[in-house]
Amino acid sequence: MDAKEYFQRDPEREAFYRTFYQICRRFNVTWSTATPEVRAFVEEEATRVAYEQEKAQATIRLMGEIAKGRRSGEERGCLTNEEMRAHFRARTSDEPLKEEPLPEE
């Protein structure tokens, strides 16, 4: 691994290690003094299972939000491509929306 890869942020890798550290705290494991068996348990089993569960829950939340958006579009009508682009441009910049605001839920 070179320096660029080391300092480059990878959200999935960060989520995995956040879960890894939570598992170490939960089982009171100090990595530097842990036996190979304990390390294998934490690294391969507990962290992997917890990480996959968190990932599945995030997917379920995302699918719920997509379903809400679909229902909203069916009930209130869909935005045009231009309206959608303007909405997300305004959210990513400090500039206020220049067009009509999005309908309230």
PDB file of N, CA and C in Angstrom:
ATOM      1  N   MET A   1       0.854  -1.168   0.000  1.00  0.00           N
ATOM      2  CA  MET A   1       0.000   0.000   0.000  1.00  0.00           C
ATOM      3  C   MET A   1       0.902   1.235   0.000  1.00  0.00           C
ATOM      4  N   ASP A   2       0.651   2.154  -0.939  1.00  0.00           N
ATOM      5  CA  ASP A   2       1.446   3.376  -0.970  1.00  0.00           C
ATOM      6  C   ASP A   2       0.756   4.468  -0.144  1.00  0.00           C
ATOM      7  N   ALA A   3       1.422   5.600  -0.004  1.00  0.00           N
ATOM      8  CA  ALA A   3       0.908   6.680   0.842  1.00  0.00           C
ATOM      9  C   ALA A   3      -0.444   7.186   0.360  1.00  0.00           C
ATOM     10  N   LYS A   4      -0.619   7.286  -0.939  1.00  0.00           N
ATOM     11  CA  LYS A   4      -1.897   7.780  -1.475  1.00  0.00           C
ATOM     12  C   LYS A   4      -3.041   6.864  -1.050  1.00  0.00           C
ATOM     13  N   GLU A   5      -2.864   5.560  -1.187  1.00  0.00           N
ATOM     14  CA  GLU A   5      -3.891   4.607  -0.778  1.00  0.00           C
ATOM     15  C   GLU A   5      -4.145   4.672   0.720  1.00  0.00           C
ATOM     16  N   TYR A   6      -3.078   4.888   1.483  1.00  0.00           N
ATOM     17  CA  TYR A   6      -3.207   4.934   2.939  1.00  0.00           C
ATOM     18  C   TYR A   6      -4.076   6.114   3.373  1.00  0.00           C
ATOM     19  N   PHE A   7      -3.889   7.262   2.751  1.00  0.00           N
ATOM     20  CA  PHE A   7      -4.611   8.459   3.159  1.00  0.00           C
ATOM     21  C   PHE A   7      -5.922   8.666   2.410  1.00  0.00           C
ATOM     22  N   GLN A   8      -6.168   7.890   1.369  1.00  0.00           N
ATOM     23  CA  GLN A   8      -7.399   8.011   0.617  1.00  0.00           C
ATOM     24  C   GLN A   8      -8.554   7.451   1.445  1.00  0.00           C
ATOM     25  N   ARG A   9      -9.643   8.196   1.519  1.00  0.00           N
ATOM     26  CA  ARG A   9     -10.778   7.767   2.340  1.00  0.00           C
ATOM     27  C   ARG A   9     -11.638   6.775   1.573  1.00  0.00           C
ATOM     28  N   ASP A  10     -11.960   5.699   2.212  1.00  0.00           N
ATOM     29  CA  ASP A  10     -12.853   4.691   1.662  1.00  0.00           C
ATOM     30  C   ASP A  10     -13.982   4.497   2.674  1.00  0.00           C
ATOM     31  N   PRO A  11     -15.179   4.991   2.383  1.00  0.00           N
ATOM     32  CA  PRO A  11     -16.279   4.921   3.354  1.00  0.00           C
ATOM     33  C   PRO A  11     -16.588   3.504   3.826  1.00  0.00           C
ATOM     34  N   GLU A  12     -16.501   2.536   2.920  1.00  0.00           N
ATOM     35  CA  GLU A  12     -16.801   1.158   3.316  1.00  0.00           C
ATOM     36  C   GLU A  12     -15.734   0.624   4.270  1.00  0.00           C
ATOM     37  N   ARG A  13     -14.483   0.937   3.993  1.00  0.00           N
ATOM     38  CA  ARG A  13     -13.387   0.515   4.878  1.00  0.00           C
ATOM     39  C   ARG A  13     -13.517   1.179   6.249  1.00  0.00           C
ATOM     40  N   GLU A  14     -13.863   2.471   6.258  1.00  0.00           N
ATOM     41  CA  GLU A  14     -14.056   3.179   7.528  1.00  0.00           C
ATOM     42  C   GLU A  14     -15.198   2.567   8.329  1.00  0.00           C
ATOM     43  N   ALA A  15     -16.290   2.211   7.653  1.00  0.00           N
ATOM     44  CA  ALA A  15     -17.423   1.591   8.346  1.00  0.00           C
ATOM     45  C   ALA A  15     -17.012   0.239   8.939  1.00  0.00           C
ATOM     46  N   PHE A  16     -16.219  -0.536   8.182  1.00  0.00           N
ATOM     47  CA  PHE A  16     -15.762  -1.829   8.684  1.00  0.00           C
ATOM     48  C   PHE A  16     -14.917  -1.642   9.948  1.00  0.00           C
ATOM     49  N   TYR A  17     -13.965  -0.717   9.905  1.00  0.00           N
ATOM     50  CA  TYR A  17     -13.098  -0.530  11.068  1.00  0.00           C
ATOM     51  C   TYR A  17     -13.840   0.070  12.251  1.00  0.00           C
ATOM     52  N   ARG A  18     -14.832   0.920  11.988  1.00  0.00           N
ATOM     53  CA  ARG A  18     -15.647   1.447  13.089  1.00  0.00           C
ATOM     54  C   ARG A  18     -16.345   0.285  13.784  1.00  0.00           C
ATOM     55  N   THR A  19     -16.880  -0.651  13.011  1.00  0.00           N
ATOM     56  CA  THR A  19     -17.519  -1.840  13.571  1.00  0.00           C
ATOM     57  C   THR A  19     -16.492  -2.702  14.305  1.00  0.00           C
ATOM     58  N   PHE A  20     -15.319  -2.860  13.708  1.00  0.00           N
ATOM     59  CA  PHE A  20     -14.242  -3.639  14.322  1.00  0.00           C
ATOM     60  C   PHE A  20     -13.905  -3.102  15.721  1.00  0.00           C
ATOM     61  N   TYR A  21     -13.727  -1.790  15.843  1.00  0.00           N
ATOM     62  CA  TYR A  21     -13.381  -1.195  17.135  1.00  0.00           C
ATOM     63  C   TYR A  21     -14.525  -1.332  18.138  1.00  0.00           C
ATOM     64  N   GLN A  22     -15.754  -1.249  17.666  1.00  0.00           N
ATOM     65  CA  GLN A  22     -16.897  -1.438  18.566  1.00  0.00           C
ATOM     66  C   GLN A  22     -16.914  -2.870  19.109  1.00  0.00           C
ATOM     67  N   ILE A  23     -16.608  -3.832  18.250  1.00  0.00           N
ATOM     68  CA  ILE A  23     -16.570  -5.233  18.691  1.00  0.00           C
ATOM     69  C   ILE A  23     -15.454  -5.433  19.712  1.00  0.00           C
ATOM     70  N   CYS A  24     -14.293  -4.844  19.456  1.00  0.00           N
ATOM     71  CA  CYS A  24     -13.186  -4.961  20.427  1.00  0.00           C
ATOM     72  C   CYS A  24     -13.604  -4.398  21.786  1.00  0.00           C
ATOM     73  N   ARG A  25     -14.264  -3.246  21.782  1.00  0.00           N
ATOM     74  CA  ARG A  25     -14.717  -2.659  23.055  1.00  0.00           C
ATOM     75  C   ARG A  25     -15.780  -3.537  23.708  1.00  0.00           C
ATOM     76  N   ARG A  26     -16.711  -4.047  22.914  1.00  0.00           N
ATOM     77  CA  ARG A  26     -17.796  -4.858  23.458  1.00  0.00           C
ATOM     78  C   ARG A  26     -17.262  -6.106  24.157  1.00  0.00           C
ATOM     79  N   PHE A  27     -16.246  -6.747  23.566  1.00  0.00           N
ATOM     80  CA  PHE A  27     -15.696  -7.968  24.137  1.00  0.00           C
ATOM     81  C   PHE A  27     -14.455  -7.707  24.981  1.00  0.00           C
ATOM     82  N   ASN A  28     -14.147  -6.428  25.230  1.00  0.00           N
ATOM     83  CA  ASN A  28     -13.013  -6.033  26.064  1.00  0.00           C
ATOM     84  C   ASN A  28     -11.711  -6.653  25.547  1.00  0.00           C
ATOM     85  N   VAL A  29     -11.469  -6.511  24.239  1.00  0.00           N
ATOM     86  CA  VAL A  29     -10.283  -7.078  23.604  1.00  0.00           C
ATOM     87  C   VAL A  29      -9.270  -5.970  23.354  1.00  0.00           C
ATOM     88  N   THR A  30      -8.060  -6.172  23.841  1.00  0.00           N
ATOM     89  CA  THR A  30      -6.944  -5.291  23.521  1.00  0.00           C
ATOM     90  C   THR A  30      -6.156  -5.997  22.430  1.00  0.00           C
ATOM     91  N   TRP A  31      -6.179  -5.425  21.240  1.00  0.00           N
ATOM     92  CA  TRP A  31      -5.629  -6.105  20.068  1.00  0.00           C
ATOM     93  C   TRP A  31      -4.167  -6.487  20.244  1.00  0.00           C
ATOM     94  N   SER A  32      -3.378  -5.613  20.822  1.00  0.00           N
ATOM     95  CA  SER A  32      -1.941  -5.883  20.923  1.00  0.00           C
ATOM     96  C   SER A  32      -1.617  -7.060  21.841  1.00  0.00           C
ATOM     97  N   THR A  33      -2.497  -7.389  22.785  1.00  0.00           N
ATOM     98  CA  THR A  33      -2.232  -8.486  23.716  1.00  0.00           C
ATOM     99  C   THR A  33      -3.155  -9.688  23.493  1.00  0.00           C
ATOM    100  N   ALA A  34      -4.017  -9.614  22.496  1.00  0.00           N
ATOM    101  CA  ALA A  34      -4.981 -10.699  22.248  1.00  0.00           C
ATOM    102  C   ALA A  34      -4.278 -11.928  21.673  1.00  0.00           C
ATOM    103  N   THR A  35      -4.797 -13.075  22.029  1.00  0.00           N
ATOM    104  CA  THR A  35      -4.260 -14.327  21.473  1.00  0.00           C
ATOM    105  C   THR A  35      -4.693 -14.445  20.007  1.00  0.00           C
ATOM    106  N   PRO A  36      -4.013 -15.288  19.232  1.00  0.00           N
ATOM    107  CA  PRO A  36      -4.414 -15.482  17.835  1.00  0.00           C
ATOM    108  C   PRO A  36      -5.867 -15.952  17.688  1.00  0.00           C
ATOM    109  N   GLU A  37      -6.340 -16.761  18.623  1.00  0.00           N
ATOM    110  CA  GLU A  37      -7.717 -17.241  18.567  1.00  0.00           C
ATOM    111  C   GLU A  37      -8.707 -16.105  18.774  1.00  0.00           C
ATOM    112  N   VAL A  38      -8.418 -15.248  19.753  1.00  0.00           N
ATOM    113  CA  VAL A  38      -9.300 -14.109  20.023  1.00  0.00           C
ATOM    114  C   VAL A  38      -9.277 -13.148  18.837  1.00  0.00           C
ATOM    115  N   ARG A  39      -8.107 -12.907  18.294  1.00  0.00           N
ATOM    116  CA  ARG A  39      -8.009 -12.029  17.115  1.00  0.00           C
ATOM    117  C   ARG A  39      -8.829 -12.585  15.959  1.00  0.00           C
ATOM    118  N   ALA A  40      -8.710 -13.879  15.724  1.00  0.00           N
ATOM    119  CA  ALA A  40      -9.460 -14.494  14.629  1.00  0.00           C
ATOM    120  C   ALA A  40     -10.961 -14.353  14.856  1.00  0.00           C
ATOM    121  N   PHE A  41     -11.401 -14.577  16.097  1.00  0.00           N
ATOM    122  CA  PHE A  41     -12.820 -14.434  16.411  1.00  0.00           C
ATOM    123  C   PHE A  41     -13.298 -13.015  16.129  1.00  0.00           C
ATOM    124  N   VAL A  42     -12.572 -12.027  16.648  1.00  0.00           N
ATOM    125  CA  VAL A  42     -12.980 -10.633  16.485  1.00  0.00           C
ATOM    126  C   VAL A  42     -12.932 -10.215  15.025  1.00  0.00           C
ATOM    127  N   GLU A  43     -11.844 -10.554  14.362  1.00  0.00           N
ATOM    128  CA  GLU A  43     -11.627 -10.086  12.996  1.00  0.00           C
ATOM    129  C   GLU A  43     -12.507 -10.809  11.982  1.00  0.00           C
ATOM    130  N   GLU A  44     -12.598 -12.105  12.100  1.00  0.00           N
ATOM    131  CA  GLU A  44     -13.256 -12.889  11.054  1.00  0.00           C
ATOM    132  C   GLU A  44     -14.728 -13.158  11.316  1.00  0.00           C
ATOM    133  N   GLU A  45     -15.105 -13.298  12.545  1.00  0.00           N
ATOM    134  CA  GLU A  45     -16.485 -13.672  12.819  1.00  0.00           C
ATOM    135  C   GLU A  45     -17.328 -12.501  13.311  1.00  0.00           C
ATOM    136  N   ALA A  46     -17.016 -12.007  14.485  1.00  0.00           N
ATOM    137  CA  ALA A  46     -17.865 -10.993  15.111  1.00  0.00           C
ATOM    138  C   ALA A  46     -17.947  -9.716  14.274  1.00  0.00           C
ATOM    139  N   THR A  47     -16.815  -9.224  13.809  1.00  0.00           N
ATOM    140  CA  THR A  47     -16.824  -7.983  13.035  1.00  0.00           C
ATOM    141  C   THR A  47     -17.528  -8.187  11.702  1.00  0.00           C
ATOM    142  N   ARG A  48     -17.241  -9.263  11.028  1.00  0.00           N
ATOM    143  CA  ARG A  48     -17.862  -9.518   9.726  1.00  0.00           C
ATOM    144  C   ARG A  48     -19.378  -9.621   9.845  1.00  0.00           C
ATOM    145  N   VAL A  49     -19.860 -10.360  10.841  1.00  0.00           N
ATOM    146  CA  VAL A  49     -21.298 -10.526  11.032  1.00  0.00           C
ATOM    147  C   VAL A  49     -21.950  -9.184  11.368  1.00  0.00           C
ATOM    148  N   ALA A  50     -21.369  -8.443  12.306  1.00  0.00           N
ATOM    149  CA  ALA A  50     -21.938  -7.147  12.691  1.00  0.00           C
ATOM    150  C   ALA A  50     -21.921  -6.175  11.517  1.00  0.00           C
ATOM    151  N   TYR A  51     -20.825  -6.172  10.766  1.00  0.00           N
ATOM    152  CA  TYR A  51     -20.714  -5.285   9.609  1.00  0.00           C
ATOM    153  C   TYR A  51     -21.770  -5.620   8.566  1.00  0.00           C
ATOM    154  N   GLU A  52     -21.956  -6.888   8.273  1.00  0.00           N
ATOM    155  CA  GLU A  52     -22.963  -7.299   7.292  1.00  0.00           C
ATOM    156  C   GLU A  52     -24.370  -6.942   7.772  1.00  0.00           C
ATOM    157  N   GLN A  53     -24.626  -7.060   9.071  1.00  0.00           N
ATOM    158  CA  GLN A  53     -25.935  -6.679   9.610  1.00  0.00           C
ATOM    159  C   GLN A  53     -26.158  -5.177   9.447  1.00  0.00           C
ATOM    160  N   GLU A  54     -25.160  -4.363   9.768  1.00  0.00           N
ATOM    161  CA  GLU A  54     -25.283  -2.916   9.611  1.00  0.00           C
ATOM    162  C   GLU A  54     -25.500  -2.539   8.148  1.00  0.00           C
ATOM    163  N   LYS A  55     -24.791  -3.211   7.261  1.00  0.00           N
ATOM    164  CA  LYS A  55     -24.926  -2.953   5.836  1.00  0.00           C
ATOM    165  C   LYS A  55     -26.341  -3.309   5.364  1.00  0.00           C
ATOM    166  N   ALA A  56     -26.879  -4.428   5.837  1.00  0.00           N
ATOM    167  CA  ALA A  56     -28.231  -4.838   5.462  1.00  0.00           C
ATOM    168  C   ALA A  56     -29.262  -3.843   5.988  1.00  0.00           C
ATOM    169  N   GLN A  57     -29.078  -3.368   7.224  1.00  0.00           N
ATOM    170  CA  GLN A  57     -30.005  -2.383   7.783  1.00  0.00           C
ATOM    171  C   GLN A  57     -29.963  -1.081   6.992  1.00  0.00           C
ATOM    172  N   ALA A  58     -28.776  -0.662   6.571  1.00  0.00           N
ATOM    173  CA  ALA A  58     -28.654   0.552   5.768  1.00  0.00           C
ATOM    174  C   ALA A  58     -29.350   0.377   4.421  1.00  0.00           C
ATOM    175  N   THR A  59     -29.240  -0.808   3.842  1.00  0.00           N
ATOM    176  CA  THR A  59     -29.913  -1.087   2.574  1.00  0.00           C
ATOM    177  C   THR A  59     -31.427  -1.037   2.752  1.00  0.00           C
ATOM    178  N   ILE A  60     -31.915  -1.583   3.834  1.00  0.00           N
ATOM    179  CA  ILE A  60     -33.356  -1.562   4.117  1.00  0.00           C
ATOM    180  C   ILE A  60     -33.836  -0.119   4.280  1.00  0.00           C
ATOM    181  N   ARG A  61     -33.063   0.708   5.011  1.00  0.00           N
ATOM    182  CA  ARG A  61     -33.445   2.120   5.168  1.00  0.00           C
ATOM    183  C   ARG A  61     -33.456   2.826   3.817  1.00  0.00           C
ATOM    184  N   LEU A  62     -32.444   2.562   2.992  1.00  0.00           N
ATOM    185  CA  LEU A  62     -32.370   3.177   1.671  1.00  0.00           C
ATOM    186  C   LEU A  62     -33.563   2.771   0.813  1.00  0.00           C
ATOM    187  N   MET A  63     -33.908   1.492   0.816  1.00  0.00           N
ATOM    188  CA  MET A  63     -35.041   1.029   0.025  1.00  0.00           C
ATOM    189  C   MET A  63     -36.345   1.669   0.520  1.00  0.00           C
ATOM    190  N   GLY A  64     -36.463   1.877   1.820  1.00  0.00           N
ATOM    191  CA  GLY A  64     -37.642   2.562   2.374  1.00  0.00           C
ATOM    192  C   GLY A  64     -37.736   4.003   1.888  1.00  0.00           C
ATOM    193  N   GLU A  65     -36.599   4.686   1.853  1.00  0.00           N
ATOM    194  CA  GLU A  65     -36.586   6.068   1.357  1.00  0.00           C
ATOM    195  C   GLU A  65     -36.917   6.126  -0.125  1.00  0.00           C
ATOM    196  N   ILE A  66     -36.435   5.160  -0.886  1.00  0.00           N
ATOM    197  CA  ILE A  66     -36.745   5.108  -2.318  1.00  0.00           C
ATOM    198  C   ILE A  66     -38.247   4.876  -2.501  1.00  0.00           C
ATOM    199  N   ALA A  67     -38.832   3.991  -1.709  1.00  0.00           N
ATOM    200  CA  ALA A  67     -40.265   3.724  -1.797  1.00  0.00           C
ATOM    201  C   ALA A  67     -41.073   4.976  -1.439  1.00  0.00           C
ATOM    202  N   LYS A  68     -40.626   5.716  -0.403  1.00  0.00           N
ATOM    203  CA  LYS A  68     -41.306   6.962  -0.049  1.00  0.00           C
ATOM    204  C   LYS A  68     -41.260   7.950  -1.205  1.00  0.00           C
ATOM    205  N   GLY A  69     -40.112   8.056  -1.850  1.00  0.00           N
ATOM    206  CA  GLY A  69     -39.979   8.961  -2.981  1.00  0.00           C
ATOM    207  C   GLY A  69     -40.866   8.555  -4.140  1.00  0.00           C
ATOM    208  N   ARG A  70     -40.940   7.266  -4.396  1.00  0.00           N
ATOM    209  CA  ARG A  70     -41.806   6.779  -5.478  1.00  0.00           C
ATOM    210  C   ARG A  70     -43.271   7.097  -5.181  1.00  0.00           C
ATOM    211  N   ARG A  71     -43.705   6.827  -3.942  1.00  0.00           N
ATOM    212  CA  ARG A  71     -45.097   7.126  -3.571  1.00  0.00           C
ATOM    213  C   ARG A  71     -45.379   8.618  -3.697  1.00  0.00           C
ATOM    214  N   SER A  72     -44.427   9.439  -3.234  1.00  0.00           N
ATOM    215  CA  SER A  72     -44.590  10.888  -3.323  1.00  0.00           C
ATOM    216  C   SER A  72     -44.723  11.319  -4.783  1.00  0.00           C
ATOM    217  N   GLY A  73     -43.898  10.756  -5.659  1.00  0.00           N
ATOM    218  CA  GLY A  73     -43.977  11.083  -7.078  1.00  0.00           C
ATOM    219  C   GLY A  73     -45.304  10.673  -7.690  1.00  0.00           C
ATOM    220  N   GLU A  74     -45.818   9.528  -7.276  1.00  0.00           N
ATOM    221  CA  GLU A  74     -47.097   9.059  -7.812  1.00  0.00           C
ATOM    222  C   GLU A  74     -48.247   9.924  -7.316  1.00  0.00           C
ATOM    223  N   GLU A  75     -48.174  10.371  -6.049  1.00  0.00           N
ATOM    224  CA  GLU A  75     -49.262  11.163  -5.472  1.00  0.00           C
ATOM    225  C   GLU A  75     -49.221  12.625  -5.907  1.00  0.00           C
ATOM    226  N   ARG A  76     -48.039  13.217  -5.958  1.00  0.00           N
ATOM    227  CA  ARG A  76     -47.909  14.657  -6.217  1.00  0.00           C
ATOM    228  C   ARG A  76     -47.336  15.000  -7.577  1.00  0.00           C
ATOM    229  N   GLY A  77     -46.945  14.024  -8.314  1.00  0.00           N
ATOM    230  CA  GLY A  77     -46.318  14.278  -9.599  1.00  0.00           C
ATOM    231  C   GLY A  77     -44.803  14.324  -9.440  1.00  0.00           C
ATOM    232  N   CYS A  78     -44.126  14.046 -10.515  1.00  0.00           N
ATOM    233  CA  CYS A  78     -42.667  13.986 -10.486  1.00  0.00           C
ATOM    234  C   CYS A  78     -42.060  15.318 -10.884  1.00  0.00           C
ATOM    235  N   LEU A  79     -40.854  15.567 -10.428  1.00  0.00           N
ATOM    236  CA  LEU A  79     -40.109  16.749 -10.831  1.00  0.00           C
ATOM    237  C   LEU A  79     -39.468  16.507 -12.194  1.00  0.00           C
ATOM    238  N   THR A  80     -39.253  17.574 -12.914  1.00  0.00           N
ATOM    239  CA  THR A  80     -38.527  17.448 -14.175  1.00  0.00           C
ATOM    240  C   THR A  80     -37.047  17.267 -13.868  1.00  0.00           C
ATOM    241  N   ASN A  81     -36.284  16.856 -14.859  1.00  0.00           N
ATOM    242  CA  ASN A  81     -34.838  16.704 -14.678  1.00  0.00           C
ATOM    243  C   ASN A  81     -34.208  18.023 -14.266  1.00  0.00           C
ATOM    244  N   GLU A  82     -34.658  19.126 -14.863  1.00  0.00           N
ATOM    245  CA  GLU A  82     -34.093  20.443 -14.534  1.00  0.00           C
ATOM    246  C   GLU A  82     -34.391  20.827 -13.085  1.00  0.00           C
ATOM    247  N   GLU A  83     -35.619  20.559 -12.629  1.00  0.00           N
ATOM    248  CA  GLU A  83     -35.978  20.865 -11.243  1.00  0.00           C
ATOM    249  C   GLU A  83     -35.140  20.036 -10.265  1.00  0.00           C
ATOM    250  N   MET A  84     -34.929  18.782 -10.593  1.00  0.00           N
ATOM    251  CA  MET A  84     -34.134  17.900  -9.733  1.00  0.00           C
ATOM    252  C   MET A  84     -32.684  18.376  -9.677  1.00  0.00           C
ATOM    253  N   ARG A  85     -32.104  18.710 -10.829  1.00  0.00           N
ATOM    254  CA  ARG A  85     -30.720  19.210 -10.850  1.00  0.00           C
ATOM    255  C   ARG A  85     -30.599  20.485 -10.025  1.00  0.00           C
ATOM    256  N   ALA A  86     -31.560  21.410 -10.183  1.00  0.00           N
ATOM    257  CA  ALA A  86     -31.523  22.661  -9.428  1.00  0.00           C
ATOM    258  C   ALA A  86     -31.609  22.392  -7.928  1.00  0.00           C
ATOM    259  N   HIS A  87     -32.440  21.446  -7.549  1.00  0.00           N
ATOM    260  CA  HIS A  87     -32.587  21.105  -6.136  1.00  0.00           C
ATOM    261  C   HIS A  87     -31.268  20.610  -5.546  1.00  0.00           C
ATOM    262  N   PHE A  88     -30.607  19.682  -6.235  1.00  0.00           N
ATOM    263  CA  PHE A  88     -29.366  19.119  -5.697  1.00  0.00           C
ATOM    264  C   PHE A  88     -28.199  20.084  -5.807  1.00  0.00           C
ATOM    265  N   ARG A  89     -28.182  20.933  -6.824  1.00  0.00           N
ATOM    266  CA  ARG A  89     -27.153  21.976  -6.885  1.00  0.00           C
ATOM    267  C   ARG A  89     -27.280  22.909  -5.685  1.00  0.00           C
ATOM    268  N   ALA A  90     -28.501  23.280  -5.361  1.00  0.00           N
ATOM    269  CA  ALA A  90     -28.725  24.170  -4.218  1.00  0.00           C
ATOM    270  C   ALA A  90     -28.330  23.505  -2.908  1.00  0.00           C
ATOM    271  N   ARG A  91     -28.545  22.213  -2.797  1.00  0.00           N
ATOM    272  CA  ARG A  91     -28.180  21.503  -1.567  1.00  0.00           C
ATOM    273  C   ARG A  91     -26.681  21.358  -1.409  1.00  0.00           C
ATOM    274  N   THR A  92     -25.934  21.342  -2.508  1.00  0.00           N
ATOM    275  CA  THR A  92     -24.493  21.145  -2.419  1.00  0.00           C
ATOM    276  C   THR A  92     -23.724  22.452  -2.426  1.00  0.00           C
ATOM    277  N   SER A  93     -24.421  23.558  -2.586  1.00  0.00           N
ATOM    278  CA  SER A  93     -23.748  24.853  -2.557  1.00  0.00           C
ATOM    279  C   SER A  93     -24.406  25.736  -1.514  1.00  0.00           C
ATOM    280  N   ASP A  94     -23.830  26.886  -1.282  1.00  0.00           N
ATOM    281  CA  ASP A  94     -24.396  27.825  -0.318  1.00  0.00           C
ATOM    282  C   ASP A  94     -25.460  28.710  -0.956  1.00  0.00           C
ATOM    283  N   GLU A  95     -25.615  28.586  -2.266  1.00  0.00           N
ATOM    284  CA  GLU A  95     -26.586  29.421  -2.955  1.00  0.00           C
ATOM    285  C   GLU A  95     -27.995  28.914  -2.689  1.00  0.00           C
ATOM    286  N   PRO A  96     -28.948  29.821  -2.442  1.00  0.00           N
ATOM    287  CA  PRO A  96     -30.327  29.390  -2.251  1.00  0.00           C
ATOM    288  C   PRO A  96     -30.936  28.937  -3.576  1.00  0.00           C
ATOM    289  N   LEU A  97     -31.976  28.160  -3.464  1.00  0.00           N
ATOM    290  CA  LEU A  97     -32.675  27.686  -4.651  1.00  0.00           C
ATOM    291  C   LEU A  97     -33.282  28.876  -5.391  1.00  0.00           C
ATOM    292  N   LYS A  98     -33.075  28.962  -6.681  1.00  0.00           N
ATOM    293  CA  LYS A  98     -33.584  30.081  -7.456  1.00  0.00           C
ATOM    294  C   LYS A  98     -34.981  29.785  -7.996  1.00  0.00           C
ATOM    295  N   GLU A  99     -35.370  28.530  -8.004  1.00  0.00           N
ATOM    296  CA  GLU A  99     -36.681  28.149  -8.507  1.00  0.00           C
ATOM    297  C   GLU A  99     -37.628  27.937  -7.340  1.00  0.00           C
ATOM    298  N   GLU A 100     -38.837  27.506  -7.666  1.00  0.00           N
ATOM    299  CA  GLU A 100     -39.817  27.230  -6.637  1.00  0.00           C
ATOM    300  C   GLU A 100     -39.308  26.156  -5.685  1.00  0.00           C
ATOM    301  N   PRO A 101     -39.564  26.271  -4.381  1.00  0.00           N
ATOM    302  CA  PRO A 101     -39.121  25.218  -3.459  1.00  0.00           C
ATOM    303  C   PRO A 101     -39.894  23.928  -3.695  1.00  0.00           C
ATOM    304  N   LEU A 102     -39.287  22.839  -3.272  1.00  0.00           N
ATOM    305  CA  LEU A 102     -39.931  21.536  -3.402  1.00  0.00           C
ATOM    306  C   LEU A 102     -41.157  21.475  -2.490  1.00  0.00           C
ATOM    307  N   PRO A 103     -42.172  20.708  -2.869  1.00  0.00           N
ATOM    308  CA  PRO A 103     -43.369  20.593  -2.017  1.00  0.00           C
ATOM    309  C   PRO A 103     -43.022  19.943  -0.678  1.00  0.00           C
ATOM    310  N   GLU A 104     -43.701  20.380   0.362  1.00  0.00           N
ATOM    311  CA  GLU A 104     -43.513  19.808   1.699  1.00  0.00           C
ATOM    312  C   GLU A 104     -44.175  18.443   1.761  1.00  0.00           C
ATOM    313  N   GLU A 105     -43.641  17.551   2.599  1.00  0.00           N
ATOM    314  CA  GLU A 105     -44.229  16.213   2.762  1.00  0.00           C
ATOM    315  C   GLU A 105     -45.367  16.253   3.731  1.00  0.00           C
TER     316      GLU A 105
END
